[in-house]
Amino acid sequence: MLALDLNVGVPRPFTSSGVPSGPDGVLTTEAGDLLQSEAGQYLGFERGGGGGGSTYSVEFNGTDQYAKVGSVDTWNMLSMWVNLGTGTYRRFIGCGSGISNRLLFFYYSGAIYAGNGTWSYTLNNGQWYHLALAVNLASGKAELYVNGVSQSQTGSTIGIISARNQNFDIAVHDTPYVTSQTATYPGKIDEIALWDTQLSAADVTSIYNSGVPNNLQSASSYDTDRTSNLLHWWRMGDGTEAASGSTVYDEQGTADATLYNSPTFSTDVPT
């Protein structure tokens, strides 16, 4: 278990009694897991959370490695960081209940797709990008931001939106709609989050944070405090999993992700 050292700005271990070792300044209780400064400043929860920045991402080989979450809360906003490797269909996220009720979020041949929405945008291999996808229930369309900038959609409506809470998969193609898993995302993924409301353009700009992931459980990471709308947050190595094992823990909810066929934790992260 780690606490944030207010003096030097780096994590430091707790003692067995639940009180942080080293200089004074951070308090916690083993039962409540709430970390706060002596002045009462909220810092996060023991399970994951943490400050801004990222130390690890998850790298997938584009052949047989992927992650499955299962059921999630119905979301209207998705945020994630991607760093693509060489491939054709680079699929970030898939969810839904079948061929006729699904949402696929992927990159192919100079364009980003979500449902029936299409955005012409070239993602270069080996470079980090922040993607934010909003489901606008009023218009029936998806809205996409790349690195904090809204993109013009060239497709039609988002298409399927009713089953976003089912079979949430990462770096995998069309599961569970085909008989075999087809993992077609070569590259790294970091800091995936879902909210139950559509964030504003100013919120997205704040989350992008000039290319450095920030603490999504902190009100200061948004233009308007959206912490109460945050449903799920998979830190992809920086959470409770501590860059080890086959589970990426949901630091906001309880929908943990299982890693299949040993994707690796990478220290290549957005900076």
Protein backbone atom coordinates (compact mmCIF):
# COMPACT_ATOMS: atom_id res chain seq x y z
CA MET A 1 0.00 0.00 0.00
CA LEU A 2 1.34 3.44 -0.95
CA ALA A 3 0.68 6.98 0.16
CA LEU A 4 1.58 10.24 -1.51
CA ASP A 5 4.42 12.00 0.22
CA LEU A 6 3.36 15.64 0.32
CA ASN A 7 6.93 16.76 0.84
CA VAL A 8 8.55 15.14 -2.16
CA GLY A 9 5.55 14.25 -4.36
CA VAL A 10 6.30 10.54 -4.71
CA PRO A 11 4.64 7.39 -3.37
CA ARG A 12 5.94 5.93 -0.13
CA PRO A 13 4.91 2.81 1.82
CA PHE A 14 2.58 2.56 4.77
CA THR A 15 3.63 0.90 7.99
CA SER A 16 1.84 -2.23 9.15
CA SER A 17 -0.39 -0.09 11.35
CA GLY A 18 -1.77 1.75 8.34
CA VAL A 19 0.11 4.99 9.04
CA PRO A 20 2.48 6.13 6.28
CA SER A 21 6.15 5.81 7.05
CA GLY A 22 8.64 8.63 6.65
CA PRO A 23 7.71 12.33 7.02
CA ASP A 24 4.33 13.18 8.50
CA GLY A 25 1.59 14.68 6.35
CA VAL A 26 -0.68 11.88 5.08
CA LEU A 27 -3.30 10.07 7.12
CA THR A 28 -5.36 6.96 6.47
CA THR A 29 -7.41 4.30 8.19
CA GLU A 30 -7.12 0.67 7.23
CA ALA A 31 -10.90 0.30 7.39
CA GLY A 32 -11.80 3.40 5.38
CA ASP A 33 -8.87 3.45 2.97
CA LEU A 34 -9.37 7.19 2.56
CA LEU A 35 -6.15 9.14 2.15
CA GLN A 36 -6.10 12.78 3.13
CA SER A 37 -3.64 15.42 4.20
CA GLU A 38 -3.72 16.86 7.68
CA ALA A 39 -5.45 19.87 6.13
CA GLY A 40 -8.21 17.56 4.90
CA GLN A 41 -7.26 17.54 1.22
CA TYR A 42 -8.64 14.49 -0.61
CA LEU A 43 -5.96 12.40 -2.28
CA GLY A 44 -7.69 9.21 -3.43
CA PHE A 45 -8.48 5.69 -2.30
CA GLU A 46 -6.14 2.91 -1.31
CA ARG A 47 -7.30 0.72 -4.18
CA GLY A 48 -5.65 2.38 -7.15
CA GLY A 49 -6.47 6.00 -7.77
CA GLY A 50 -3.27 7.91 -7.33
CA GLY A 51 -1.97 11.18 -8.64
CA GLY A 52 -1.41 12.41 -12.16
CA GLY A 53 0.84 10.75 -14.69
CA SER A 54 1.27 7.11 -15.59
CA THR A 55 4.06 4.63 -14.99
CA TYR A 56 2.77 1.58 -16.89
CA SER A 57 0.62 0.67 -19.87
CA VAL A 58 -0.44 -2.72 -21.26
CA GLU A 59 1.05 -3.92 -24.55
CA PHE A 60 -0.87 -6.36 -26.78
CA ASN A 61 0.72 -8.39 -29.57
CA GLY A 62 -2.14 -8.06 -32.10
CA THR A 63 -2.40 -11.83 -32.46
CA ASP A 64 -3.95 -13.51 -29.44
CA GLN A 65 -3.68 -11.08 -26.52
CA TYR A 66 -6.67 -9.13 -25.23
CA ALA A 67 -8.61 -8.21 -22.09
CA LYS A 68 -12.20 -8.91 -21.12
CA VAL A 69 -14.24 -7.02 -18.55
CA GLY A 70 -17.77 -8.33 -19.01
CA SER A 71 -20.66 -6.24 -17.72
CA VAL A 72 -20.14 -2.56 -16.97
CA ASP A 73 -22.45 0.29 -16.01
CA THR A 74 -24.14 1.98 -18.96
CA TRP A 75 -21.75 4.67 -20.10
CA ASN A 76 -22.02 7.80 -22.23
CA MET A 77 -18.33 8.78 -22.29
CA LEU A 78 -15.12 6.82 -22.84
CA SER A 79 -11.53 8.00 -22.47
CA MET A 80 -8.37 6.06 -23.25
CA TRP A 81 -4.78 6.44 -24.42
CA VAL A 82 -3.49 4.39 -27.37
CA ASN A 83 -0.10 3.80 -28.98
CA LEU A 84 -0.49 1.72 -32.13
CA GLY A 85 1.79 -0.93 -33.56
CA THR A 86 1.76 -2.22 -37.12
CA GLY A 87 -1.52 -3.79 -38.22
CA THR A 88 -4.65 -3.39 -40.31
CA TYR A 89 -7.77 -3.29 -38.15
CA ARG A 90 -6.60 -1.89 -34.80
CA ARG A 91 -9.55 -2.48 -32.45
CA PHE A 92 -9.54 -0.57 -29.19
CA ILE A 93 -12.87 -1.51 -27.61
CA GLY A 94 -15.81 -3.79 -28.38
CA CYS A 95 -19.07 -4.09 -26.46
CA GLY A 96 -22.66 -5.18 -26.95
CA SER A 97 -24.90 -8.22 -26.98
CA GLY A 98 -24.71 -9.42 -30.58
CA ILE A 99 -24.17 -8.57 -34.23
CA SER A 100 -27.24 -6.31 -34.29
CA ASN A 101 -26.52 -4.62 -30.95
CA ARG A 102 -22.90 -3.72 -30.60
CA LEU A 103 -20.38 -0.91 -30.62
CA LEU A 104 -16.89 -1.33 -32.04
CA PHE A 105 -14.28 1.39 -31.58
CA PHE A 106 -11.28 0.94 -33.89
CA TYR A 107 -8.78 2.41 -36.33
CA TYR A 108 -8.46 1.38 -39.96
CA SER A 109 -6.66 2.91 -42.93
CA GLY A 110 -6.46 6.54 -41.88
CA ALA A 111 -9.78 6.74 -40.05
CA ILE A 112 -11.28 6.11 -36.62
CA TYR A 113 -14.62 4.29 -36.38
CA ALA A 114 -17.26 3.92 -33.68
CA GLY A 115 -20.57 2.33 -34.60
CA ASN A 116 -21.49 3.92 -37.92
CA GLY A 117 -19.48 7.03 -37.16
CA THR A 118 -16.28 7.70 -39.12
CA TRP A 119 -13.59 10.32 -38.52
CA SER A 120 -10.71 10.83 -40.95
CA TYR A 121 -7.62 11.01 -38.75
CA THR A 122 -4.22 9.40 -39.14
CA LEU A 123 -2.81 7.73 -36.05
CA ASN A 124 0.93 7.20 -36.46
CA ASN A 125 2.49 4.02 -35.13
CA GLY A 126 4.58 4.41 -31.99
CA GLN A 127 2.95 7.66 -30.88
CA TRP A 128 0.60 8.20 -27.93
CA TYR A 129 -2.88 9.63 -28.55
CA HIS A 130 -5.70 10.45 -26.19
CA LEU A 131 -9.11 9.37 -27.50
CA ALA A 132 -12.39 10.49 -25.95
CA LEU A 133 -15.66 9.11 -27.32
CA ALA A 134 -19.00 10.63 -26.33
CA VAL A 135 -22.36 9.02 -26.98
CA ASN A 136 -24.81 11.85 -27.63
CA LEU A 137 -28.21 10.31 -26.94
CA ALA A 138 -30.00 13.43 -28.15
CA SER A 139 -28.50 13.36 -31.64
CA GLY A 140 -27.88 9.61 -31.86
CA LYS A 141 -24.31 10.33 -32.90
CA ALA A 142 -20.91 9.74 -31.43
CA GLU A 143 -18.55 12.62 -30.85
CA LEU A 144 -14.80 12.02 -30.97
CA TYR A 145 -11.93 14.02 -29.50
CA VAL A 146 -8.30 13.29 -30.36
CA ASN A 147 -5.73 14.88 -28.08
CA GLY A 148 -8.40 17.16 -26.67
CA VAL A 149 -9.65 18.42 -30.05
CA SER A 150 -13.15 17.65 -31.38
CA GLN A 151 -13.16 15.88 -34.77
CA SER A 152 -15.68 16.24 -37.60
CA GLN A 153 -17.67 13.08 -38.23
CA THR A 154 -18.03 11.85 -41.81
CA GLY A 155 -20.30 8.90 -41.05
CA SER A 156 -23.94 8.77 -39.96
CA THR A 157 -25.31 7.92 -36.52
CA ILE A 158 -23.48 5.91 -33.91
CA GLY A 159 -25.87 3.11 -34.80
CA ILE A 160 -26.07 0.75 -31.85
CA ILE A 161 -26.10 2.33 -28.39
CA SER A 162 -28.44 0.27 -26.20
CA ALA A 163 -26.03 -2.48 -25.07
CA ARG A 164 -22.93 -0.51 -24.12
CA ASN A 165 -23.04 -2.11 -20.68
CA GLN A 166 -22.52 -5.68 -21.97
CA ASN A 167 -19.41 -7.67 -22.87
CA PHE A 168 -16.91 -4.82 -22.62
CA ASP A 169 -13.70 -6.02 -24.26
CA ILE A 170 -10.31 -4.42 -24.82
CA ALA A 171 -8.01 -5.01 -27.83
CA VAL A 172 -10.23 -7.71 -29.28
CA HIS A 173 -12.38 -8.06 -32.40
CA ASP A 174 -16.10 -8.74 -32.28
CA THR A 175 -16.24 -10.90 -29.18
CA PRO A 176 -18.49 -12.54 -28.20
CA TYR A 177 -20.16 -12.36 -31.61
CA VAL A 178 -17.94 -14.90 -33.35
CA THR A 179 -16.93 -18.39 -32.29
CA SER A 180 -13.23 -17.57 -31.82
CA GLN A 181 -11.45 -14.62 -30.29
CA THR A 182 -9.72 -12.47 -32.89
CA ALA A 183 -7.33 -10.05 -31.22
CA THR A 184 -6.28 -7.45 -33.75
CA TYR A 185 -4.80 -4.63 -31.68
CA PRO A 186 -1.01 -4.49 -31.79
CA GLY A 187 0.25 -1.80 -29.49
CA LYS A 188 -0.18 -0.25 -26.05
CA ILE A 189 -3.27 0.96 -24.20
CA ASP A 190 -3.39 3.05 -21.04
CA GLU A 191 -5.85 4.67 -18.61
CA ILE A 192 -9.31 3.56 -19.82
CA ALA A 193 -12.25 5.30 -18.13
CA LEU A 194 -16.04 5.43 -18.48
CA TRP A 195 -18.54 8.05 -17.27
CA ASP A 196 -22.33 8.04 -17.15
CA THR A 197 -22.60 11.50 -18.70
CA GLN A 198 -21.25 13.23 -21.77
CA LEU A 199 -18.29 15.38 -20.74
CA SER A 200 -17.88 18.87 -22.12
CA ALA A 201 -15.15 19.87 -24.56
CA ALA A 202 -13.50 21.77 -21.72
CA ASP A 203 -13.57 18.63 -19.55
CA VAL A 204 -11.91 16.62 -22.32
CA THR A 205 -9.21 19.25 -22.75
CA SER A 206 -8.53 19.12 -19.02
CA ILE A 207 -8.35 15.31 -19.02
CA TYR A 208 -5.96 15.36 -22.00
CA ASN A 209 -3.78 17.63 -19.88
CA SER A 210 -1.30 18.44 -22.67
CA GLY A 211 -0.51 14.75 -23.11
CA VAL A 212 -0.04 13.66 -19.51
CA PRO A 213 -2.74 11.46 -17.87
CA ASN A 214 -4.19 12.95 -14.71
CA ASN A 215 -6.06 11.71 -11.66
CA LEU A 216 -9.64 11.11 -12.78
CA GLN A 217 -10.80 10.83 -9.17
CA SER A 218 -9.77 14.43 -8.55
CA ALA A 219 -12.16 17.34 -9.25
CA SER A 220 -9.22 19.42 -10.45
CA SER A 221 -8.81 17.09 -13.45
CA TYR A 222 -12.02 18.46 -15.00
CA ASP A 223 -13.33 21.84 -16.06
CA THR A 224 -16.47 21.00 -14.05
CA ASP A 225 -16.21 18.36 -11.33
CA ARG A 226 -17.26 15.02 -12.90
CA THR A 227 -15.92 12.70 -10.23
CA SER A 228 -19.44 11.62 -9.25
CA ASN A 229 -20.08 10.56 -12.87
CA LEU A 230 -16.97 8.37 -13.13
CA LEU A 231 -18.10 4.73 -13.40
CA HIS A 232 -14.97 2.71 -14.16
CA TRP A 233 -11.24 3.38 -14.38
CA TRP A 234 -8.69 0.80 -15.52
CA ARG A 235 -5.19 2.20 -15.03
CA MET A 236 -3.51 -0.57 -17.04
CA GLY A 237 -0.66 -1.29 -14.64
CA ASP A 238 -0.72 1.64 -12.24
CA GLY A 239 -3.65 0.39 -10.19
CA THR A 240 -3.96 -2.31 -7.56
CA GLU A 241 -2.37 -4.81 -9.99
CA ALA A 242 0.96 -2.89 -9.68
CA ALA A 243 2.08 -4.04 -13.15
CA SER A 244 1.82 -7.73 -12.23
CA GLY A 245 -0.50 -10.66 -12.84
CA SER A 246 -3.43 -11.21 -15.19
CA THR A 247 -5.95 -8.76 -13.73
CA VAL A 248 -6.29 -5.04 -14.31
CA TYR A 249 -8.41 -3.74 -11.45
CA ASP A 250 -11.23 -1.27 -11.80
CA GLU A 251 -10.13 1.55 -9.52
CA GLN A 252 -13.54 3.23 -9.48
CA GLY A 253 -16.02 0.35 -9.68
CA THR A 254 -15.88 -3.43 -9.41
CA ALA A 255 -15.60 -4.46 -13.09
CA ASP A 256 -12.06 -5.83 -13.15
CA ALA A 257 -10.47 -6.78 -16.49
CA THR A 258 -8.88 -10.16 -17.12
CA LEU A 259 -5.81 -10.29 -19.38
CA TYR A 260 -5.63 -13.25 -21.77
CA ASN A 261 -2.50 -14.86 -23.24
CA SER A 262 -0.09 -12.75 -21.21
CA PRO A 263 -0.04 -9.19 -22.52
CA THR A 264 2.93 -7.37 -21.03
CA PHE A 265 3.14 -4.33 -18.80
CA SER A 266 5.22 -1.65 -20.49
CA THR A 267 6.93 1.45 -19.10
CA ASP A 268 6.21 3.26 -22.38
CA VAL A 269 3.47 5.70 -21.28
CA PRO A 270 2.03 9.08 -22.31
CA THR A 271 4.28 11.90 -21.11
